[in-house]
Every structure is written in C-alpha cells, then in structure tokens.
Amino acid sequence: MLVVAGAEDGVAGVDKPRHVASCYPAGRLEVLAGSGHWPWVDEPTAFRDLVTGFLAD
C-alpha cells in the first residue's frame, strides 16, 4: 500500500499517514516536500511519478 502525505499538511500532518502505512506489512509512506493536504494539487508531477512508479512495481 502506498500512502502519500504532504510535508506541510496542516489538517492530517504526517503522523497519521505514517500510522496508516505502518498498519500494512508492505505499507510505504512517501512525504512530498512543499505539499499540503492535497499533494496531487500542490505537486502534481511528483504525485503522478510516485503513483505511476508504485503501480509499475
């Protein structure tokens, strides 16, 4: 499972996504620097590259 979080997320922060990722044996947390609560809006290219790479694995 891939969990993507924004480093500057003022709503969920990074601790909650970290916890979600840790609940899965193959859970992976990726934190996008400079991104807030909507990383796909704030950093669309980085978000797309993360998701595409994860799905290709």
Protein backbone atom coordinates (compact mmCIF):
# COMPACT_ATOMS: atom_id res chain seq x y z
CA MET A 1 0.00 0.00 0.00
CA LEU A 2 1.24 3.45 -0.90
CA VAL A 3 0.39 6.35 1.40
CA VAL A 4 1.25 9.82 0.12
CA ALA A 5 1.36 12.75 2.53
CA GLY A 6 2.22 16.40 2.20
CA ALA A 7 5.04 17.61 4.42
CA GLU A 8 3.13 20.83 5.09
CA ASP A 9 -0.28 19.19 5.70
CA GLY A 10 -1.96 21.30 8.37
CA VAL A 11 -5.00 19.00 8.50
CA ALA A 12 -3.67 15.44 8.86
CA GLY A 13 0.01 16.10 9.41
CA VAL A 14 2.48 13.30 8.73
CA ASP A 15 1.95 11.18 11.86
CA LYS A 16 -1.48 9.90 10.81
CA PRO A 17 -0.38 8.82 7.30
CA ARG A 18 2.70 7.20 8.88
CA HIS A 19 0.42 5.22 11.17
CA VAL A 20 -1.80 4.12 8.26
CA ALA A 21 1.23 2.91 6.29
CA SER A 22 2.52 1.02 9.33
CA CYS A 23 -0.74 -0.96 9.54
CA TYR A 24 0.16 -2.84 6.34
CA PRO A 25 3.07 -5.28 6.03
CA ALA A 26 4.19 -3.73 2.76
CA GLY A 27 2.97 -0.23 3.60
CA ARG A 28 5.06 2.58 2.20
CA LEU A 29 4.87 6.25 3.18
CA GLU A 30 6.06 8.94 0.79
CA VAL A 31 6.09 12.53 2.04
CA LEU A 32 6.11 15.25 -0.60
CA ALA A 33 8.12 18.29 0.45
CA GLY A 34 6.38 21.60 -0.12
CA SER A 35 2.98 19.96 -0.38
CA GLY A 36 -0.02 20.44 1.86
CA HIS A 37 -3.23 18.47 2.37
CA TRP A 38 -3.75 17.93 -1.36
CA PRO A 39 -0.41 16.71 -2.72
CA TRP A 40 -1.93 15.87 -6.11
CA VAL A 41 -2.83 19.56 -6.47
CA ASP A 42 0.29 21.08 -4.87
CA GLU A 43 2.85 18.79 -6.53
CA PRO A 44 1.04 17.06 -9.41
CA THR A 45 4.15 15.85 -11.24
CA ALA A 46 5.80 14.40 -8.14
CA PHE A 47 2.50 12.80 -7.09
CA ARG A 48 1.97 11.28 -10.54
CA ASP A 49 5.53 9.94 -10.62
CA LEU A 50 5.12 8.32 -7.18
CA VAL A 51 1.84 6.65 -8.05
CA THR A 52 2.97 5.56 -11.50
CA GLY A 53 6.18 4.10 -10.11
CA PHE A 54 4.30 2.30 -7.34
CA LEU A 55 1.82 0.78 -9.78
CA ALA A 56 4.61 -0.30 -12.14
CA ASP A 57 6.36 -2.29 -9.37
